[in-house]
Amino acid sequence: MARVRLSVAERREELLRAAVEQIEARGVAAVRIADVASALGVSNALVLYHFSTKEKLVAAAFAYAAEDDLAHLRKLLGRRTTALRRLRAAVRWYAPTGQAKGWRLWIEGWAAALREPALREVTRDLDKQWKAAIIEVIVEGVAAGEFHCPDPTGAALRLTALLDGLAVQMTAYAGAVSRAHTHEWVDEALARELGLKREALVAAVR
């Protein structure tokens, strides 16, 4: 059966989706151009036409996956509710839940970024955008008098560092941390950063 002819943009998106799936299945180091091509039934030359090297394909695949994450984050933080509710929803969504597929992708990316400058730029940009979004909501909450936080930038860094660390534990060591403990520790950290009691935080977002 003949393949449907796709536009350049459609073909590129198809290749990026396939690359993300192959990275999740094989890891950055093991994945090859041939794996992506084979998954779609196209030639290696077609993949190289769009991305020229494996490194550029991998970096673009991570940027593609990141945009999905950032779009969901913007949706959560754009809701018409209190800054505290939006902030907790975003932090809870970012937190690892035991379904490690997505986190495996990012842990792979962090490791590969140590050696790949293009990928390092992608992961660094994602990190900056996450922190900037969290900082913005903290600042809004402080201005509205919902909570007190003298250092929104430091709070965002500490919160995301905790979440990243818990994700590594849960992804690399099955059963090391329970989902219940993760939610408890994340709420405790968030409450501490906002000058609230954990009980008050939980009651305020019900």
C-alpha atoms as a PDB file:
ATOM      1  CA  MET A   1       0.000   0.000   0.000  1.00  0.00           C
ATOM      2  CA  ALA A   2       1.413   3.401  -0.984  1.00  0.00           C
ATOM      3  CA  ARG A   3       2.257   5.820   1.812  1.00  0.00           C
ATOM      4  CA  VAL A   4       0.260   9.052   2.002  1.00  0.00           C
ATOM      5  CA  ARG A   5       2.315  12.003   0.855  1.00  0.00           C
ATOM      6  CA  LEU A   6       2.903  14.330   3.808  1.00  0.00           C
ATOM      7  CA  SER A   7       3.867  17.977   3.876  1.00  0.00           C
ATOM      8  CA  VAL A   8       7.333  18.841   5.155  1.00  0.00           C
ATOM      9  CA  ALA A   9       5.884  19.925   8.521  1.00  0.00           C
ATOM     10  CA  GLU A  10       3.770  16.771   8.838  1.00  0.00           C
ATOM     11  CA  ARG A  11       6.680  14.526   7.911  1.00  0.00           C
ATOM     12  CA  ARG A  12       8.937  16.274  10.398  1.00  0.00           C
ATOM     13  CA  GLU A  13       6.377  15.836  13.194  1.00  0.00           C
ATOM     14  CA  GLU A  14       5.952  12.161  12.288  1.00  0.00           C
ATOM     15  CA  LEU A  15       9.719  11.662  12.500  1.00  0.00           C
ATOM     16  CA  LEU A  16       9.909  13.471  15.832  1.00  0.00           C
ATOM     17  CA  ARG A  17       7.124  11.356  17.364  1.00  0.00           C
ATOM     18  CA  ALA A  18       8.874   8.211  16.210  1.00  0.00           C
ATOM     19  CA  ALA A  19      12.202   9.455  17.572  1.00  0.00           C
ATOM     20  CA  VAL A  20      10.678  10.120  20.995  1.00  0.00           C
ATOM     21  CA  GLU A  21       9.212   6.604  21.052  1.00  0.00           C
ATOM     22  CA  GLN A  22      12.529   5.045  20.043  1.00  0.00           C
ATOM     23  CA  ILE A  23      14.479   7.053  22.644  1.00  0.00           C
ATOM     24  CA  GLU A  24      12.012   5.955  25.344  1.00  0.00           C
ATOM     25  CA  ALA A  25      12.394   2.326  24.256  1.00  0.00           C
ATOM     26  CA  ARG A  26      16.151   2.171  23.582  1.00  0.00           C
ATOM     27  CA  GLY A  27      17.789   5.155  25.276  1.00  0.00           C
ATOM     28  CA  VAL A  28      19.694   8.026  23.676  1.00  0.00           C
ATOM     29  CA  ALA A  29      22.996   6.182  23.364  1.00  0.00           C
ATOM     30  CA  ALA A  30      21.536   3.099  21.668  1.00  0.00           C
ATOM     31  CA  VAL A  31      18.979   4.683  19.349  1.00  0.00           C
ATOM     32  CA  ARG A  32      19.975   4.928  15.680  1.00  0.00           C
ATOM     33  CA  ILE A  33      18.697   6.783  12.645  1.00  0.00           C
ATOM     34  CA  ALA A  34      17.859   3.326  11.254  1.00  0.00           C
ATOM     35  CA  ASP A  35      15.568   2.618  14.242  1.00  0.00           C
ATOM     36  CA  VAL A  36      13.485   5.716  13.562  1.00  0.00           C
ATOM     37  CA  ALA A  37      13.372   5.020   9.830  1.00  0.00           C
ATOM     38  CA  SER A  38      12.397   1.391  10.356  1.00  0.00           C
ATOM     39  CA  ALA A  39       9.606   2.301  12.781  1.00  0.00           C
ATOM     40  CA  LEU A  40       7.996   4.391  10.033  1.00  0.00           C
ATOM     41  CA  GLY A  41       8.926   2.259   7.056  1.00  0.00           C
ATOM     42  CA  VAL A  42      10.996   5.026   5.451  1.00  0.00           C
ATOM     43  CA  SER A  43      14.631   5.276   4.381  1.00  0.00           C
ATOM     44  CA  ASN A  44      17.530   6.465   6.512  1.00  0.00           C
ATOM     45  CA  ALA A  45      18.110   9.107   3.838  1.00  0.00           C
ATOM     46  CA  LEU A  46      14.680  10.627   4.465  1.00  0.00           C
ATOM     47  CA  VAL A  47      15.405  11.014   8.186  1.00  0.00           C
ATOM     48  CA  LEU A  48      18.805  12.545   7.417  1.00  0.00           C
ATOM     49  CA  TYR A  49      17.237  14.890   4.873  1.00  0.00           C
ATOM     50  CA  HIS A  50      15.160  16.454   7.648  1.00  0.00           C
ATOM     51  CA  PHE A  51      17.720  16.385  10.488  1.00  0.00           C
ATOM     52  CA  SER A  52      21.179  15.712   8.928  1.00  0.00           C
ATOM     53  CA  THR A  53      22.614  13.988  12.053  1.00  0.00           C
ATOM     54  CA  LYS A  54      21.448  11.764  14.881  1.00  0.00           C
ATOM     55  CA  GLU A  55      22.438  14.491  17.376  1.00  0.00           C
ATOM     56  CA  LYS A  56      20.161  17.039  15.698  1.00  0.00           C
ATOM     57  CA  LEU A  57      17.317  14.528  15.525  1.00  0.00           C
ATOM     58  CA  VAL A  58      17.637  13.707  19.232  1.00  0.00           C
ATOM     59  CA  ALA A  59      17.780  17.375  20.246  1.00  0.00           C
ATOM     60  CA  ALA A  60      14.727  18.164  18.106  1.00  0.00           C
ATOM     61  CA  ALA A  61      12.857  15.161  19.552  1.00  0.00           C
ATOM     62  CA  PHE A  62      13.452  16.386  23.095  1.00  0.00           C
ATOM     63  CA  ALA A  63      12.350  19.908  22.141  1.00  0.00           C
ATOM     64  CA  TYR A  64       9.193  18.403  20.634  1.00  0.00           C
ATOM     65  CA  ALA A  65       8.442  16.415  23.800  1.00  0.00           C
ATOM     66  CA  ALA A  66       9.207  19.454  25.949  1.00  0.00           C
ATOM     67  CA  GLU A  67       6.698  21.597  24.098  1.00  0.00           C
ATOM     68  CA  ASP A  68       3.924  19.147  24.998  1.00  0.00           C
ATOM     69  CA  ASP A  69       4.932  19.362  28.655  1.00  0.00           C
ATOM     70  CA  LEU A  70       5.137  23.151  28.575  1.00  0.00           C
ATOM     71  CA  ALA A  71       1.742  23.440  26.877  1.00  0.00           C
ATOM     72  CA  HIS A  72       0.189  21.398  29.685  1.00  0.00           C
ATOM     73  CA  LEU A  73       1.988  23.499  32.292  1.00  0.00           C
ATOM     74  CA  ARG A  74       0.659  26.714  30.715  1.00  0.00           C
ATOM     75  CA  LYS A  75      -2.843  25.234  30.767  1.00  0.00           C
ATOM     76  CA  LEU A  76      -2.599  24.432  34.475  1.00  0.00           C
ATOM     77  CA  LEU A  77      -1.157  27.820  35.378  1.00  0.00           C
ATOM     78  CA  GLY A  78      -3.637  29.686  33.190  1.00  0.00           C
ATOM     79  CA  ARG A  79      -6.713  28.430  35.023  1.00  0.00           C
ATOM     80  CA  ARG A  80      -9.048  30.994  36.600  1.00  0.00           C
ATOM     81  CA  THR A  81      -8.409  30.160  40.232  1.00  0.00           C
ATOM     82  CA  THR A  82      -6.071  31.140  43.060  1.00  0.00           C
ATOM     83  CA  ALA A  83      -2.320  31.197  42.595  1.00  0.00           C
ATOM     84  CA  LEU A  84      -2.026  28.595  45.366  1.00  0.00           C
ATOM     85  CA  ARG A  85      -4.347  26.157  43.593  1.00  0.00           C
ATOM     86  CA  ARG A  86      -2.543  26.649  40.284  1.00  0.00           C
ATOM     87  CA  LEU A  87       0.863  26.259  41.876  1.00  0.00           C
ATOM     88  CA  ARG A  88      -0.018  23.070  43.706  1.00  0.00           C
ATOM     89  CA  ALA A  89      -1.630  21.606  40.595  1.00  0.00           C
ATOM     90  CA  ALA A  90       1.513  22.321  38.567  1.00  0.00           C
ATOM     91  CA  VAL A  91       3.857  20.906  41.198  1.00  0.00           C
ATOM     92  CA  ARG A  92       1.715  17.781  41.635  1.00  0.00           C
ATOM     93  CA  TRP A  93       1.593  17.231  37.873  1.00  0.00           C
ATOM     94  CA  TYR A  94       5.389  17.644  37.603  1.00  0.00           C
ATOM     95  CA  ALA A  95       5.966  15.257  40.490  1.00  0.00           C
ATOM     96  CA  PRO A  96       6.775  11.620  39.609  1.00  0.00           C
ATOM     97  CA  THR A  97       3.809   9.285  40.046  1.00  0.00           C
ATOM     98  CA  GLY A  98       5.390   5.898  39.504  1.00  0.00           C
ATOM     99  CA  GLN A  99       4.454   5.866  35.806  1.00  0.00           C
ATOM    100  CA  ALA A 100       8.055   6.281  34.753  1.00  0.00           C
ATOM    101  CA  LYS A 101       7.826   6.369  30.963  1.00  0.00           C
ATOM    102  CA  GLY A 102       7.973  10.160  30.634  1.00  0.00           C
ATOM    103  CA  TRP A 103      10.583  10.536  33.340  1.00  0.00           C
ATOM    104  CA  ARG A 104      12.826   7.936  31.707  1.00  0.00           C
ATOM    105  CA  LEU A 105      12.930  10.179  28.654  1.00  0.00           C
ATOM    106  CA  TRP A 106      14.084  13.200  30.642  1.00  0.00           C
ATOM    107  CA  ILE A 107      16.610  11.296  32.729  1.00  0.00           C
ATOM    108  CA  GLU A 108      18.059   9.966  29.477  1.00  0.00           C
ATOM    109  CA  GLY A 109      18.169  13.536  28.208  1.00  0.00           C
ATOM    110  CA  TRP A 110      19.979  14.886  31.252  1.00  0.00           C
ATOM    111  CA  ALA A 111      22.623  12.175  31.008  1.00  0.00           C
ATOM    112  CA  ALA A 112      23.174  12.635  27.273  1.00  0.00           C
ATOM    113  CA  ALA A 113      23.254  16.429  27.661  1.00  0.00           C
ATOM    114  CA  LEU A 114      26.558  16.107  29.513  1.00  0.00           C
ATOM    115  CA  ARG A 115      28.132  15.138  26.185  1.00  0.00           C
ATOM    116  CA  GLU A 116      25.833  16.690  23.569  1.00  0.00           C
ATOM    117  CA  PRO A 117      25.823  20.530  23.409  1.00  0.00           C
ATOM    118  CA  ALA A 118      22.664  20.703  21.260  1.00  0.00           C
ATOM    119  CA  LEU A 119      20.718  18.561  23.708  1.00  0.00           C
ATOM    120  CA  ARG A 120      22.151  20.499  26.647  1.00  0.00           C
ATOM    121  CA  GLU A 121      20.654  23.689  25.192  1.00  0.00           C
ATOM    122  CA  VAL A 122      17.239  22.044  24.869  1.00  0.00           C
ATOM    123  CA  THR A 123      17.168  20.674  28.424  1.00  0.00           C
ATOM    124  CA  ARG A 124      18.535  23.938  29.843  1.00  0.00           C
ATOM    125  CA  ASP A 125      15.855  25.944  28.034  1.00  0.00           C
ATOM    126  CA  LEU A 126      13.112  23.641  29.326  1.00  0.00           C
ATOM    127  CA  ASP A 127      14.469  23.980  32.850  1.00  0.00           C
ATOM    128  CA  LYS A 128      14.505  27.784  32.570  1.00  0.00           C
ATOM    129  CA  GLN A 129      10.944  27.899  31.261  1.00  0.00           C
ATOM    130  CA  TRP A 130       9.663  25.631  34.049  1.00  0.00           C
ATOM    131  CA  LYS A 131      11.313  27.713  36.739  1.00  0.00           C
ATOM    132  CA  ALA A 132      10.134  30.994  35.182  1.00  0.00           C
ATOM    133  CA  ALA A 133       6.532  29.757  35.137  1.00  0.00           C
ATOM    134  CA  ILE A 134       6.687  28.637  38.773  1.00  0.00           C
ATOM    135  CA  ILE A 135       8.333  31.912  39.827  1.00  0.00           C
ATOM    136  CA  GLU A 136       5.613  33.927  38.079  1.00  0.00           C
ATOM    137  CA  VAL A 137       2.808  32.176  39.956  1.00  0.00           C
ATOM    138  CA  ILE A 138       4.608  32.493  43.295  1.00  0.00           C
ATOM    139  CA  VAL A 139       5.025  36.226  42.693  1.00  0.00           C
ATOM    140  CA  GLU A 140       1.305  36.499  41.840  1.00  0.00           C
ATOM    141  CA  GLY A 141       0.357  34.687  45.043  1.00  0.00           C
ATOM    142  CA  VAL A 142       2.577  36.888  47.174  1.00  0.00           C
ATOM    143  CA  ALA A 143       1.121  40.037  45.566  1.00  0.00           C
ATOM    144  CA  ALA A 144      -2.418  38.752  46.225  1.00  0.00           C
ATOM    145  CA  GLY A 145      -1.588  38.060  49.870  1.00  0.00           C
ATOM    146  CA  GLU A 146      -2.238  34.325  49.552  1.00  0.00           C
ATOM    147  CA  PHE A 147       1.112  33.367  51.058  1.00  0.00           C
ATOM    148  CA  HIS A 148       4.539  34.723  51.924  1.00  0.00           C
ATOM    149  CA  CYS A 149       7.710  33.883  49.999  1.00  0.00           C
ATOM    150  CA  PRO A 150      10.721  36.231  50.210  1.00  0.00           C
ATOM    151  CA  ASP A 151      12.687  34.374  47.508  1.00  0.00           C
ATOM    152  CA  PRO A 152      10.481  33.096  44.636  1.00  0.00           C
ATOM    153  CA  THR A 153      13.503  32.244  42.484  1.00  0.00           C
ATOM    154  CA  GLY A 154      15.142  30.174  45.198  1.00  0.00           C
ATOM    155  CA  ALA A 155      11.806  28.517  46.030  1.00  0.00           C
ATOM    156  CA  ALA A 156      11.292  27.457  42.397  1.00  0.00           C
ATOM    157  CA  LEU A 157      14.814  26.041  42.221  1.00  0.00           C
ATOM    158  CA  ARG A 158      14.452  24.088  45.467  1.00  0.00           C
ATOM    159  CA  LEU A 159      11.039  22.697  44.517  1.00  0.00           C
ATOM    160  CA  THR A 160      12.088  21.538  41.061  1.00  0.00           C
ATOM    161  CA  ALA A 161      15.329  20.083  42.444  1.00  0.00           C
ATOM    162  CA  LEU A 162      13.310  18.023  44.929  1.00  0.00           C
ATOM    163  CA  LEU A 163      10.946  16.821  42.220  1.00  0.00           C
ATOM    164  CA  ASP A 164      13.798  15.929  39.861  1.00  0.00           C
ATOM    165  CA  GLY A 165      15.564  14.002  42.608  1.00  0.00           C
ATOM    166  CA  LEU A 166      12.423  12.071  43.548  1.00  0.00           C
ATOM    167  CA  ALA A 167      11.880  11.257  39.876  1.00  0.00           C
ATOM    168  CA  VAL A 168      15.357   9.737  39.615  1.00  0.00           C
ATOM    169  CA  GLN A 169      14.744   7.632  42.739  1.00  0.00           C
ATOM    170  CA  MET A 170      11.356   6.373  41.563  1.00  0.00           C
ATOM    171  CA  THR A 171      12.492   5.709  38.003  1.00  0.00           C
ATOM    172  CA  ALA A 172      15.872   4.121  38.708  1.00  0.00           C
ATOM    173  CA  TYR A 173      14.895   2.173  41.834  1.00  0.00           C
ATOM    174  CA  ALA A 174      11.417   0.668  41.665  1.00  0.00           C
ATOM    175  CA  GLY A 175       9.737   0.792  45.062  1.00  0.00           C
ATOM    176  CA  ALA A 176      12.336   3.094  46.628  1.00  0.00           C
ATOM    177  CA  VAL A 177       9.734   5.811  47.248  1.00  0.00           C
ATOM    178  CA  SER A 178       5.966   5.389  47.350  1.00  0.00           C
ATOM    179  CA  ARG A 179       3.574   7.702  45.550  1.00  0.00           C
ATOM    180  CA  ALA A 180       1.954   8.580  48.886  1.00  0.00           C
ATOM    181  CA  HIS A 181       5.284   9.642  50.385  1.00  0.00           C
ATOM    182  CA  THR A 182       6.094  11.645  47.264  1.00  0.00           C
ATOM    183  CA  HIS A 183       2.865  13.626  47.509  1.00  0.00           C
ATOM    184  CA  GLU A 184       3.360  14.137  51.237  1.00  0.00           C
ATOM    185  CA  TRP A 185       6.933  15.414  50.844  1.00  0.00           C
ATOM    186  CA  VAL A 186       6.038  17.650  47.911  1.00  0.00           C
ATOM    187  CA  ASP A 187       3.176  19.236  49.876  1.00  0.00           C
ATOM    188  CA  GLU A 188       5.470  19.725  52.871  1.00  0.00           C
ATOM    189  CA  ALA A 189       8.132  21.382  50.716  1.00  0.00           C
ATOM    190  CA  LEU A 190       5.614  23.607  48.949  1.00  0.00           C
ATOM    191  CA  ALA A 191       4.008  24.668  52.226  1.00  0.00           C
ATOM    192  CA  ARG A 192       7.432  25.427  53.731  1.00  0.00           C
ATOM    193  CA  GLU A 193       8.442  27.587  50.762  1.00  0.00           C
ATOM    194  CA  LEU A 194       5.181  29.545  50.984  1.00  0.00           C
ATOM    195  CA  GLY A 195       5.240  30.070  54.746  1.00  0.00           C
ATOM    196  CA  LEU A 196       2.201  27.841  55.309  1.00  0.00           C
ATOM    197  CA  LYS A 197       1.391  24.831  57.434  1.00  0.00           C
ATOM    198  CA  ARG A 198       0.907  21.686  55.355  1.00  0.00           C
ATOM    199  CA  GLU A 199      -2.587  21.256  56.783  1.00  0.00           C
ATOM    200  CA  ALA A 200      -3.473  24.820  55.755  1.00  0.00           C
ATOM    201  CA  LEU A 201      -2.101  24.237  52.265  1.00  0.00           C
ATOM    202  CA  VAL A 202      -4.133  21.057  51.773  1.00  0.00           C
ATOM    203  CA  ALA A 203      -7.296  22.693  53.167  1.00  0.00           C
ATOM    204  CA  ALA A 204      -6.892  25.744  50.909  1.00  0.00           C
ATOM    205  CA  VAL A 205      -6.736  23.734  47.689  1.00  0.00           C
ATOM    206  CA  ARG A 206      -9.624  21.336  48.346  1.00  0.00           C
END
